[in-house]
């Protein structure tokens, strides 16, 4: 997409471009790419700084944000899409499926606090299901502990537990 971004700058376009930096090329099987700092053979190499690259080609507004900061991300998107300049938002968080990626906790649902609203289910996590009573359950063998589901629960029914 860099050619298209250069074209947008050159032609003084407005709009918001999002770069989803999850430290891998997931659509083709978790290969390294120029911004990961690793060659395809897994050797250390120079990592392209995506934000610096965007600024170098003339993007007037570049914002980097943690992909798991759901509220902050919603605010940044709302703010940037209402403006009349070119903005690049770079969401940063390693893919939870990357080899060696570990989170220190697991998530679980407190069934007494669950209100059956299903907001946490919208993320599509395979560890989450609904029980016969309509309350959400998290399979601890499938939960990687990323905690994204917690960001969507308005009732604080999802807790983290040390593993």
Protein backbone atom coordinates (compact mmCIF):
# COMPACT_ATOMS: atom_id res chain seq x y z
CA UNK A 1 0.00 0.00 0.00
CA UNK A 2 2.98 2.37 0.16
CA UNK A 3 2.57 3.37 -3.51
CA UNK A 4 -1.04 4.33 -2.90
CA UNK A 5 -0.07 6.32 0.19
CA UNK A 6 2.60 8.21 -1.77
CA UNK A 7 -0.02 8.92 -4.42
CA UNK A 8 -2.42 10.28 -1.78
CA UNK A 9 0.25 12.65 -0.43
CA UNK A 10 1.30 13.74 -3.93
CA UNK A 11 -2.27 14.49 -4.98
CA UNK A 12 -3.14 16.23 -1.68
CA UNK A 13 -5.85 13.72 -0.83
CA UNK A 14 -7.71 13.70 2.45
CA UNK A 15 -8.84 10.67 4.37
CA UNK A 16 -7.75 8.14 6.93
CA UNK A 17 -5.50 5.18 6.21
CA UNK A 18 -5.09 2.46 8.82
CA UNK A 19 -2.02 0.25 9.02
CA UNK A 20 -2.67 -2.80 11.19
CA UNK A 21 0.82 -3.65 12.44
CA UNK A 22 0.63 -7.07 14.08
CA UNK A 23 4.34 -7.88 13.52
CA UNK A 24 3.65 -10.50 10.85
CA UNK A 25 2.18 -11.11 7.43
CA UNK A 26 -0.79 -13.15 8.55
CA UNK A 27 -2.62 -13.55 5.26
CA UNK A 28 0.21 -15.70 3.91
CA UNK A 29 1.20 -17.70 6.98
CA UNK A 30 2.99 -15.54 9.53
CA UNK A 31 6.03 -14.55 7.48
CA UNK A 32 8.34 -11.75 8.51
CA UNK A 33 8.19 -8.47 6.59
CA UNK A 34 10.26 -5.30 6.35
CA UNK A 35 8.92 -3.82 9.60
CA UNK A 36 9.45 -6.88 11.84
CA UNK A 37 13.23 -6.67 12.17
CA UNK A 38 13.69 -10.26 11.02
CA UNK A 39 14.53 -11.74 7.62
CA UNK A 40 12.46 -14.58 6.19
CA UNK A 41 15.14 -16.88 7.61
CA UNK A 42 14.56 -15.44 11.09
CA UNK A 43 17.82 -13.47 11.24
CA UNK A 44 17.91 -10.05 12.90
CA UNK A 45 17.91 -7.14 10.44
CA UNK A 46 16.91 -3.49 10.18
CA UNK A 47 13.22 -2.88 10.87
CA UNK A 48 11.49 -0.20 8.87
CA UNK A 49 9.80 2.32 11.16
CA UNK A 50 6.34 2.62 9.60
CA UNK A 51 5.51 5.93 11.31
CA UNK A 52 8.83 7.48 10.24
CA UNK A 53 8.27 6.21 6.69
CA UNK A 54 4.83 7.82 6.59
CA UNK A 55 6.23 11.12 7.85
CA UNK A 56 9.15 10.93 5.37
CA UNK A 57 6.79 10.73 2.39
CA UNK A 58 4.84 13.73 3.67
CA UNK A 59 1.84 12.36 5.58
CA UNK A 60 0.85 15.36 7.75
CA UNK A 61 -0.64 13.37 10.64
CA UNK A 62 0.57 9.98 11.83
CA UNK A 63 -0.86 8.38 14.98
CA UNK A 64 0.43 5.19 16.60
CA UNK A 65 -1.83 3.40 19.08
CA UNK A 66 -2.02 0.07 20.88
CA UNK A 67 -4.49 -2.14 19.00
CA UNK A 68 -5.92 -3.40 22.30
CA UNK A 69 -6.76 0.16 23.47
CA UNK A 70 -10.30 -0.10 22.13
CA UNK A 71 -11.61 3.18 23.60
CA UNK A 72 -8.54 5.14 22.53
CA UNK A 73 -8.68 3.64 19.06
CA UNK A 74 -12.37 4.50 18.65
CA UNK A 75 -11.61 8.09 19.67
CA UNK A 76 -8.66 8.37 17.28
CA UNK A 77 -10.71 6.99 14.39
CA UNK A 78 -13.63 9.31 15.12
CA UNK A 79 -11.29 12.30 15.40
CA UNK A 80 -9.29 11.55 12.25
CA UNK A 81 -12.26 10.76 10.01
CA UNK A 82 -13.91 14.08 10.83
CA UNK A 83 -10.89 16.10 9.68
CA UNK A 84 -9.93 17.29 6.24
CA UNK A 85 -6.32 16.15 6.06
CA UNK A 86 -4.56 12.90 5.33
CA UNK A 87 -4.09 10.85 8.49
CA UNK A 88 -2.41 7.50 8.98
CA UNK A 89 -3.35 5.47 12.06
CA UNK A 90 -0.95 2.66 12.90
CA UNK A 91 -2.39 0.12 15.31
CA UNK A 92 0.37 -1.84 17.01
CA UNK A 93 0.13 -5.16 18.81
CA UNK A 94 1.74 -8.48 17.99
CA UNK A 95 -0.54 -11.17 16.59
CA UNK A 96 -1.67 -13.35 19.47
CA UNK A 97 -0.96 -16.43 17.35
CA UNK A 98 2.71 -15.62 16.73
CA UNK A 99 5.14 -18.28 17.81
CA UNK A 100 6.56 -17.29 21.19
CA UNK A 101 3.85 -14.68 21.87
CA UNK A 102 2.80 -15.14 25.48
CA UNK A 103 0.37 -13.33 27.74
CA UNK A 104 0.82 -13.78 31.51
CA UNK A 105 -2.85 -14.41 32.29
CA UNK A 106 -5.99 -16.16 31.09
CA UNK A 107 -9.47 -14.69 31.07
CA UNK A 108 -12.55 -16.12 32.68
CA UNK A 109 -16.15 -15.02 33.07
CA UNK A 110 -17.68 -14.39 36.46
CA UNK A 111 -21.13 -15.92 35.79
CA UNK A 112 -22.72 -13.86 38.58
CA UNK A 113 -21.70 -10.63 36.83
CA UNK A 114 -22.47 -11.69 33.24
CA UNK A 115 -25.61 -9.96 31.92
CA UNK A 116 -25.85 -12.05 28.71
CA UNK A 117 -25.46 -8.94 26.52
CA UNK A 118 -22.98 -10.65 24.18
CA UNK A 119 -20.83 -7.55 23.61
CA UNK A 120 -17.69 -9.57 24.34
CA UNK A 121 -18.67 -12.13 21.71
CA UNK A 122 -18.44 -9.55 18.91
CA UNK A 123 -14.67 -9.94 18.70
CA UNK A 124 -15.09 -13.50 17.41
CA UNK A 125 -12.72 -15.16 19.86
CA UNK A 126 -12.82 -18.94 19.40
CA UNK A 127 -12.38 -19.46 23.17
CA UNK A 128 -15.74 -17.82 23.88
CA UNK A 129 -19.11 -19.58 23.73
CA UNK A 130 -22.55 -19.18 25.23
CA UNK A 131 -23.83 -21.66 27.76
CA UNK A 132 -27.38 -23.01 27.76
CA UNK A 133 -28.29 -20.23 30.19
CA UNK A 134 -27.11 -17.60 27.67
CA UNK A 135 -24.09 -16.58 29.74
CA UNK A 136 -20.68 -16.39 28.13
CA UNK A 137 -18.04 -18.98 28.91
CA UNK A 138 -14.34 -18.93 28.11
CA UNK A 139 -12.55 -22.20 27.43
CA UNK A 140 -9.27 -21.89 29.39
CA UNK A 141 -7.48 -24.28 27.02
CA UNK A 142 -8.20 -21.96 24.10
CA UNK A 143 -7.82 -18.57 25.81
CA UNK A 144 -4.47 -16.96 25.04
CA UNK A 145 -4.98 -14.24 27.66
CA UNK A 146 -4.90 -11.25 25.32
CA UNK A 147 -7.70 -9.61 27.33
CA UNK A 148 -9.44 -8.02 24.36
CA UNK A 149 -12.78 -9.43 25.53
CA UNK A 150 -12.42 -7.46 28.80
CA UNK A 151 -12.46 -4.22 26.80
CA UNK A 152 -15.93 -5.00 25.50
CA UNK A 153 -17.56 -6.13 28.75
CA UNK A 154 -19.41 -3.17 30.26
CA UNK A 155 -20.24 -5.12 33.42
CA UNK A 156 -16.71 -6.15 34.42
CA UNK A 157 -17.78 -9.79 34.22
CA UNK A 158 -14.52 -10.88 32.61
CA UNK A 159 -11.57 -11.31 34.94
CA UNK A 160 -7.95 -12.19 34.39
CA UNK A 161 -6.33 -14.97 36.34
CA UNK A 162 -2.64 -15.82 36.60
CA UNK A 163 -1.57 -19.00 34.92
